[in-house]
Amino acid sequence: TAFEGRFFHSPARKILWLFLQPVFYVLRPLYVNP
């Protein structure tokens, strides 16, 4: 999502984003294309 692109923009936040991949793969469809 655009939020992911804007928020996870630094190395530290990208590492966090990678940790949270399972969460985004579960929640993203419910927001983007329910």
All heavy atoms as atom14 arrays in JSON, in Angstrom:
{
  "sequence": "TAFEGRFFHSPARKILWLFLQPVFYVLRPLYVNP",
  "atom14_mask": [
    [1, 1, 1, 1, 1, 1, 1, 0, 0, 0, 0, 0, 0, 0],
    [1, 1, 1, 1, 1, 0, 0, 0, 0, 0, 0, 0, 0, 0],
    [1, 1, 1, 1, 1, 1, 1, 1, 1, 1, 1, 0, 0, 0],
    [1, 1, 1, 1, 1, 1, 1, 1, 1, 0, 0, 0, 0, 0],
    [1, 1, 1, 1, 0, 0, 0, 0, 0, 0, 0, 0, 0, 0],
    [1, 1, 1, 1, 1, 1, 1, 1, 1, 1, 1, 0, 0, 0],
    [1, 1, 1, 1, 1, 1, 1, 1, 1, 1, 1, 0, 0, 0],
    [1, 1, 1, 1, 1, 1, 1, 1, 1, 1, 1, 0, 0, 0],
    [1, 1, 1, 1, 1, 1, 1, 1, 1, 1, 0, 0, 0, 0],
    [1, 1, 1, 1, 1, 1, 0, 0, 0, 0, 0, 0, 0, 0],
    [1, 1, 1, 1, 1, 1, 1, 0, 0, 0, 0, 0, 0, 0],
    [1, 1, 1, 1, 1, 0, 0, 0, 0, 0, 0, 0, 0, 0],
    [1, 1, 1, 1, 1, 1, 1, 1, 1, 1, 1, 0, 0, 0],
    [1, 1, 1, 1, 1, 1, 1, 1, 1, 0, 0, 0, 0, 0],
    [1, 1, 1, 1, 1, 1, 1, 1, 0, 0, 0, 0, 0, 0],
    [1, 1, 1, 1, 1, 1, 1, 1, 0, 0, 0, 0, 0, 0],
    [1, 1, 1, 1, 1, 1, 1, 1, 1, 1, 1, 1, 1, 1],
    [1, 1, 1, 1, 1, 1, 1, 1, 0, 0, 0, 0, 0, 0],
    [1, 1, 1, 1, 1, 1, 1, 1, 1, 1, 1, 0, 0, 0],
    [1, 1, 1, 1, 1, 1, 1, 1, 0, 0, 0, 0, 0, 0],
    [1, 1, 1, 1, 1, 1, 1, 1, 1, 0, 0, 0, 0, 0],
    [1, 1, 1, 1, 1, 1, 1, 0, 0, 0, 0, 0, 0, 0],
    [1, 1, 1, 1, 1, 1, 1, 0, 0, 0, 0, 0, 0, 0],
    [1, 1, 1, 1, 1, 1, 1, 1, 1, 1, 1, 0, 0, 0],
    [1, 1, 1, 1, 1, 1, 1, 1, 1, 1, 1, 1, 0, 0],
    [1, 1, 1, 1, 1, 1, 1, 0, 0, 0, 0, 0, 0, 0],
    [1, 1, 1, 1, 1, 1, 1, 1, 0, 0, 0, 0, 0, 0],
    [1, 1, 1, 1, 1, 1, 1, 1, 1, 1, 1, 0, 0, 0],
    [1, 1, 1, 1, 1, 1, 1, 0, 0, 0, 0, 0, 0, 0],
    [1, 1, 1, 1, 1, 1, 1, 1, 0, 0, 0, 0, 0, 0],
    [1, 1, 1, 1, 1, 1, 1, 1, 1, 1, 1, 1, 0, 0],
    [1, 1, 1, 1, 1, 1, 1, 0, 0, 0, 0, 0, 0, 0],
    [1, 1, 1, 1, 1, 1, 1, 1, 0, 0, 0, 0, 0, 0],
    [1, 1, 1, 1, 1, 1, 1, 0, 0, 0, 0, 0, 0, 0]
  ],
  "atom14_positions": [
    [[0.84, -1.2, 0.0], [0.0, 0.0, 0.0], [0.88, 1.25, 0.0], [2.08, 1.19, 0.28], [-0.91, 0.02, 1.23], [-0.07, 0.05, 2.42], [-1.81, -1.2, 1.28], [0.0, 0.0, 0.0], [0.0, 0.0, 0.0], [0.0, 0.0, 0.0], [0.0, 0.0, 0.0], [0.0, 0.0, 0.0], [0.0, 0.0, 0.0], [0.0, 0.0, 0.0]],
    [[0.27, 2.39, -0.3], [0.99, 3.65, -0.27], [1.52, 3.95, 1.14], [2.61, 4.51, 1.3], [0.1, 4.79, -0.76], [0.0, 0.0, 0.0], [0.0, 0.0, 0.0], [0.0, 0.0, 0.0], [0.0, 0.0, 0.0], [0.0, 0.0, 0.0], [0.0, 0.0, 0.0], [0.0, 0.0, 0.0], [0.0, 0.0, 0.0], [0.0, 0.0, 0.0]],
    [[0.76, 3.56, 2.16], [1.23, 3.75, 3.54], [2.53, 3.02, 3.77], [3.47, 3.56, 4.38], [0.17, 3.27, 4.53], [0.72, 3.05, 5.92], [0.98, 4.14, 6.75], [1.02, 1.77, 6.39], [1.52, 3.94, 8.03], [1.55, 1.57, 7.64], [1.81, 2.66, 8.47], [0.0, 0.0, 0.0], [0.0, 0.0, 0.0], [0.0, 0.0, 0.0]],
    [[2.61, 1.78, 3.31], [3.84, 1.0, 3.48], [5.01, 1.69, 2.79], [6.12, 1.76, 3.33], [3.65, -0.41, 2.92], [2.67, -1.27, 3.71], [2.33, -2.56, 2.99], [3.2, -3.44, 2.91], [1.18, -2.67, 2.5], [0.0, 0.0, 0.0], [0.0, 0.0, 0.0], [0.0, 0.0, 0.0], [0.0, 0.0, 0.0], [0.0, 0.0, 0.0]],
    [[4.76, 2.21, 1.6], [5.83, 2.89, 0.87], [6.32, 4.14, 1.57], [7.52, 4.42, 1.6], [0.0, 0.0, 0.0], [0.0, 0.0, 0.0], [0.0, 0.0, 0.0], [0.0, 0.0, 0.0], [0.0, 0.0, 0.0], [0.0, 0.0, 0.0], [0.0, 0.0, 0.0], [0.0, 0.0, 0.0], [0.0, 0.0, 0.0], [0.0, 0.0, 0.0]],
    [[5.37, 4.9, 2.13], [5.75, 6.16, 2.8], [6.4, 5.93, 4.15], [7.34, 6.65, 4.53], [4.51, 7.04, 2.96], [3.99, 7.69, 1.69], [2.97, 8.76, 1.98], [1.8, 8.21, 2.66], [0.7, 7.8, 2.04], [0.63, 7.85, 0.72], [-0.32, 7.32, 2.71], [0.0, 0.0, 0.0], [0.0, 0.0, 0.0], [0.0, 0.0, 0.0]],
    [[5.92, 4.94, 4.91], [6.39, 4.78, 6.29], [7.69, 3.98, 6.38], [8.6, 4.32, 7.14], [5.31, 4.11, 7.13], [5.66, 4.02, 8.59], [5.5, 5.11, 9.42], [6.16, 2.85, 9.13], [5.83, 5.06, 10.77], [6.5, 2.77, 10.48], [6.34, 3.88, 11.3], [0.0, 0.0, 0.0], [0.0, 0.0, 0.0], [0.0, 0.0, 0.0]],
    [[7.79, 2.91, 5.61], [8.96, 2.02, 5.73], [10.03, 2.45, 4.72], [10.29, 1.76, 3.73], [8.53, 0.57, 5.52], [7.54, 0.09, 6.55], [6.19, 0.05, 6.28], [7.97, -0.29, 7.82], [5.28, -0.39, 7.24], [7.08, -0.72, 8.79], [5.72, -0.77, 8.49], [0.0, 0.0, 0.0], [0.0, 0.0, 0.0], [0.0, 0.0, 0.0]],
    [[10.64, 3.59, 5.01], [11.53, 4.22, 4.03], [13.0, 4.21, 4.43], [13.85, 4.57, 3.62], [11.08, 5.67, 3.79], [10.96, 6.47, 5.05], [12.04, 6.82, 5.82], [9.86, 6.99, 5.67], [11.63, 7.52, 6.87], [10.31, 7.63, 6.8], [0.0, 0.0, 0.0], [0.0, 0.0, 0.0], [0.0, 0.0, 0.0], [0.0, 0.0, 0.0]],
    [[13.33, 3.83, 5.65], [14.72, 3.82, 6.09], [15.16, 2.37, 6.31], [14.31, 1.47, 6.42], [14.87, 4.6, 7.41], [14.19, 3.92, 8.46], [0.0, 0.0, 0.0], [0.0, 0.0, 0.0], [0.0, 0.0, 0.0], [0.0, 0.0, 0.0], [0.0, 0.0, 0.0], [0.0, 0.0, 0.0], [0.0, 0.0, 0.0], [0.0, 0.0, 0.0]],
    [[16.46, 2.12, 6.38], [16.9, 0.73, 6.61], [16.27, 0.09, 7.85], [15.83, -1.07, 7.79], [18.41, 0.88, 6.76], [18.75, 2.04, 5.89], [17.6, 3.0, 6.06], [0.0, 0.0, 0.0], [0.0, 0.0, 0.0], [0.0, 0.0, 0.0], [0.0, 0.0, 0.0], [0.0, 0.0, 0.0], [0.0, 0.0, 0.0], [0.0, 0.0, 0.0]],
    [[16.21, 0.82, 8.96], [15.63, 0.25, 10.18], [14.16, -0.09, 9.98], [13.68, -1.15, 10.41], [15.8, 1.23, 11.34], [0.0, 0.0, 0.0], [0.0, 0.0, 0.0], [0.0, 0.0, 0.0], [0.0, 0.0, 0.0], [0.0, 0.0, 0.0], [0.0, 0.0, 0.0], [0.0, 0.0, 0.0], [0.0, 0.0, 0.0], [0.0, 0.0, 0.0]],
    [[13.43, 0.81, 9.32], [12.01, 0.56, 9.1], [11.79, -0.53, 8.06], [10.8, -1.28, 8.14], [11.3, 1.85, 8.7], [11.25, 2.89, 9.82], [10.36, 4.05, 9.45], [10.36, 5.07, 10.5], [9.54, 6.11, 10.54], [8.65, 6.28, 9.57], [9.61, 6.98, 11.52], [0.0, 0.0, 0.0], [0.0, 0.0, 0.0], [0.0, 0.0, 0.0]],
    [[12.67, -0.64, 7.09], [12.54, -1.71, 6.11], [12.79, -3.08, 6.76], [12.14, -4.06, 6.41], [13.49, -1.48, 4.93], [13.0, -0.39, 3.97], [13.79, -0.35, 2.68], [15.1, 0.36, 2.82], [15.81, 0.52, 1.51], [0.0, 0.0, 0.0], [0.0, 0.0, 0.0], [0.0, 0.0, 0.0], [0.0, 0.0, 0.0], [0.0, 0.0, 0.0]],
    [[13.72, -3.14, 7.71], [13.92, -4.38, 8.46], [12.65, -4.74, 9.22], [12.21, -5.9, 9.23], [15.11, -4.24, 9.43], [16.43, -4.18, 8.65], [15.15, -5.4, 10.42], [17.64, -3.86, 9.5], [0.0, 0.0, 0.0], [0.0, 0.0, 0.0], [0.0, 0.0, 0.0], [0.0, 0.0, 0.0], [0.0, 0.0, 0.0], [0.0, 0.0, 0.0]],
    [[12.03, -3.74, 9.86], [10.77, -3.97, 10.56], [9.7, -4.45, 9.59], [8.94, -5.38, 9.89], [10.32, -2.68, 11.25], [8.96, -2.73, 11.96], [8.96, -3.77, 13.07], [8.6, -1.35, 12.51], [0.0, 0.0, 0.0], [0.0, 0.0, 0.0], [0.0, 0.0, 0.0], [0.0, 0.0, 0.0], [0.0, 0.0, 0.0], [0.0, 0.0, 0.0]],
    [[9.66, -3.85, 8.41], [8.68, -4.23, 7.39], [8.86, -5.69, 6.98], [7.88, -6.42, 6.8], [8.8, -3.3, 6.19], [7.79, -3.51, 5.11], [6.48, -3.09, 5.1], [8.0, -4.17, 3.85], [5.88, -3.46, 3.91], [6.78, -4.12, 3.14], [9.1, -4.8, 3.27], [6.64, -4.67, 1.87], [8.97, -5.35, 2.01], [7.75, -5.28, 1.32]],
    [[10.11, -6.11, 6.84], [10.37, -7.5, 6.48], [9.9, -8.45, 7.58], [9.32, -9.5, 7.3], [11.87, -7.71, 6.22], [12.42, -7.05, 4.96], [13.94, -7.18, 4.91], [11.8, -7.65, 3.71], [0.0, 0.0, 0.0], [0.0, 0.0, 0.0], [0.0, 0.0, 0.0], [0.0, 0.0, 0.0], [0.0, 0.0, 0.0], [0.0, 0.0, 0.0]],
    [[10.13, -8.06, 8.86], [9.62, -8.87, 9.96], [8.09, -8.99, 9.91], [7.52, -10.02, 10.26], [10.03, -8.26, 11.3], [11.34, -8.77, 11.83], [12.42, -7.92, 12.0], [11.51, -10.11, 12.17], [13.64, -8.38, 12.49], [12.71, -10.59, 12.66], [13.79, -9.72, 12.82], [0.0, 0.0, 0.0], [0.0, 0.0, 0.0], [0.0, 0.0, 0.0]],
    [[7.45, -7.91, 9.49], [5.99, -7.84, 9.51], [5.34, -8.34, 8.23], [4.12, -8.21, 8.07], [5.55, -6.39, 9.77], [5.9, -5.82, 11.14], [5.5, -4.34, 11.22], [5.23, -6.6, 12.26], [0.0, 0.0, 0.0], [0.0, 0.0, 0.0], [0.0, 0.0, 0.0], [0.0, 0.0, 0.0], [0.0, 0.0, 0.0], [0.0, 0.0, 0.0]],
    [[6.12, -8.89, 7.32], [5.56, -9.38, 6.06], [4.34, -10.28, 6.25], [3.33, -10.12, 5.55], [6.64, -10.14, 5.28], [7.56, -9.25, 4.46], [6.85, -8.66, 3.26], [6.59, -9.32, 2.26], [6.52, -7.39, 3.35], [0.0, 0.0, 0.0], [0.0, 0.0, 0.0], [0.0, 0.0, 0.0], [0.0, 0.0, 0.0], [0.0, 0.0, 0.0]],
    [[4.37, -11.25, 7.18], [3.18, -12.1, 7.35], [1.94, -11.29, 7.7], [0.83, -11.61, 7.23], [3.58, -13.03, 8.5], [5.06, -13.02, 8.52], [5.47, -11.64, 8.09], [0.0, 0.0, 0.0], [0.0, 0.0, 0.0], [0.0, 0.0, 0.0], [0.0, 0.0, 0.0], [0.0, 0.0, 0.0], [0.0, 0.0, 0.0], [0.0, 0.0, 0.0]],
    [[2.11, -10.25, 8.52], [0.96, -9.43, 8.91], [0.39, -8.69, 7.71], [-0.83, -8.67, 7.49], [1.38, -8.42, 10.01], [0.21, -7.49, 10.35], [1.87, -9.15, 11.24], [0.0, 0.0, 0.0], [0.0, 0.0, 0.0], [0.0, 0.0, 0.0], [0.0, 0.0, 0.0], [0.0, 0.0, 0.0], [0.0, 0.0, 0.0], [0.0, 0.0, 0.0]],
    [[1.27, -8.11, 6.9], [0.79, -7.35, 5.74], [0.14, -8.27, 4.7], [-0.83, -7.89, 4.04], [1.93, -6.55, 5.11], [2.31, -5.35, 5.92], [3.57, -5.25, 6.51], [1.42, -4.32, 6.13], [3.92, -4.15, 7.28], [1.76, -3.21, 6.89], [3.01, -3.13, 7.47], [0.0, 0.0, 0.0], [0.0, 0.0, 0.0], [0.0, 0.0, 0.0]],
    [[0.66, -9.48, 4.56], [0.06, -10.4, 3.59], [-1.33, -10.86, 4.03], [-2.16, -11.2, 3.2], [0.98, -11.6, 3.36], [1.92, -11.4, 2.2], [3.21, -10.9, 2.4], [1.52, -11.67, 0.89], [4.07, -10.68, 1.34], [2.37, -11.45, -0.17], [3.65, -10.97, 0.05], [4.49, -10.74, -1.01], [0.0, 0.0, 0.0], [0.0, 0.0, 0.0]],
    [[-1.58, -10.83, 5.34], [-2.91, -11.17, 5.84], [-3.86, -9.98, 5.73], [-5.0, -10.11, 5.27], [-2.83, -11.65, 7.3], [-4.23, -11.75, 7.91], [-2.12, -12.99, 7.38], [0.0, 0.0, 0.0], [0.0, 0.0, 0.0], [0.0, 0.0, 0.0], [0.0, 0.0, 0.0], [0.0, 0.0, 0.0], [0.0, 0.0, 0.0], [0.0, 0.0, 0.0]],
    [[-3.39, -8.79, 6.12], [-4.27, -7.62, 6.22], [-4.44, -6.87, 4.9], [-5.5, -6.29, 4.64], [-3.73, -6.65, 7.28], [-3.68, -7.18, 8.71], [-3.15, -6.11, 9.65], [-5.05, -7.66, 9.17], [0.0, 0.0, 0.0], [0.0, 0.0, 0.0], [0.0, 0.0, 0.0], [0.0, 0.0, 0.0], [0.0, 0.0, 0.0], [0.0, 0.0, 0.0]],
    [[-3.41, -6.88, 4.05], [-3.46, -6.07, 2.83], [-4.65, -6.42, 1.92], [-5.32, -5.51, 1.41], [-2.14, -6.17, 2.08], [-1.98, -5.13, 0.97], [-0.71, -5.38, 0.19], [0.48, -5.26, 1.01], [1.52, -6.07, 0.95], [1.51, -7.09, 0.1], [2.58, -5.89, 1.71], [0.0, 0.0, 0.0], [0.0, 0.0, 0.0], [0.0, 0.0, 0.0]],
    [[-4.93, -7.71, 1.68], [-6.08, -8.02, 0.82], [-7.4, -7.47, 1.34], [-8.27, -7.08, 0.56], [-6.09, -9.55, 0.79], [-4.69, -9.94, 1.1], [-4.19, -8.91, 2.08], [0.0, 0.0, 0.0], [0.0, 0.0, 0.0], [0.0, 0.0, 0.0], [0.0, 0.0, 0.0], [0.0, 0.0, 0.0], [0.0, 0.0, 0.0], [0.0, 0.0, 0.0]],
    [[-7.55, -7.44, 2.67], [-8.8, -6.96, 3.26], [-9.0, -5.47, 3.02], [-10.15, -4.98, 3.0], [-8.81, -7.24, 4.77], [-8.56, -8.69, 5.17], [-8.55, -8.82, 6.69], [-9.61, -9.61, 4.56], [0.0, 0.0, 0.0], [0.0, 0.0, 0.0], [0.0, 0.0, 0.0], [0.0, 0.0, 0.0], [0.0, 0.0, 0.0], [0.0, 0.0, 0.0]],
    [[-7.91, -4.75, 2.8], [-7.97, -3.31, 2.56], [-7.96, -2.98, 1.06], [-8.74, -2.14, 0.59], [-6.79, -2.62, 3.25], [-6.64, -1.15, 2.91], [-7.5, -0.2, 3.46], [-5.65, -0.72, 2.03], [-7.37, 1.14, 3.13], [-5.5, 0.61, 1.71], [-6.37, 1.55, 2.27], [-6.23, 2.87, 1.93], [0.0, 0.0, 0.0], [0.0, 0.0, 0.0]],
    [[-7.09, -3.64, 0.32], [-6.88, -3.3, -1.08], [-7.98, -3.87, -1.97], [-8.5, -3.17, -2.85], [-5.5, -3.81, -1.56], [-5.33, -3.61, -3.07], [-4.38, -3.1, -0.8], [0.0, 0.0, 0.0], [0.0, 0.0, 0.0], [0.0, 0.0, 0.0], [0.0, 0.0, 0.0], [0.0, 0.0, 0.0], [0.0, 0.0, 0.0], [0.0, 0.0, 0.0]],
    [[-8.34, -5.12, -1.75], [-9.28, -5.78, -2.65], [-10.11, -6.8, -1.88], [-10.0, -8.01, -2.09], [-8.51, -6.47, -3.79], [-9.42, -7.02, -4.87], [-10.61, -6.71, -4.94], [-8.86, -7.86, -5.74], [0.0, 0.0, 0.0], [0.0, 0.0, 0.0], [0.0, 0.0, 0.0], [0.0, 0.0, 0.0], [0.0, 0.0, 0.0], [0.0, 0.0, 0.0]],
    [[-10.96, -6.33, -0.96], [-11.73, -7.26, -0.14], [-12.69, -8.1, -0.98], [-13.33, -7.6, -1.91], [-12.5, -6.33, 0.82], [-12.53, -5.0, 0.13], [-11.27, -4.91, -0.67], [0.0, 0.0, 0.0], [0.0, 0.0, 0.0], [0.0, 0.0, 0.0], [0.0, 0.0, 0.0], [0.0, 0.0, 0.0], [0.0, 0.0, 0.0], [0.0, 0.0, 0.0]]
  ]
}
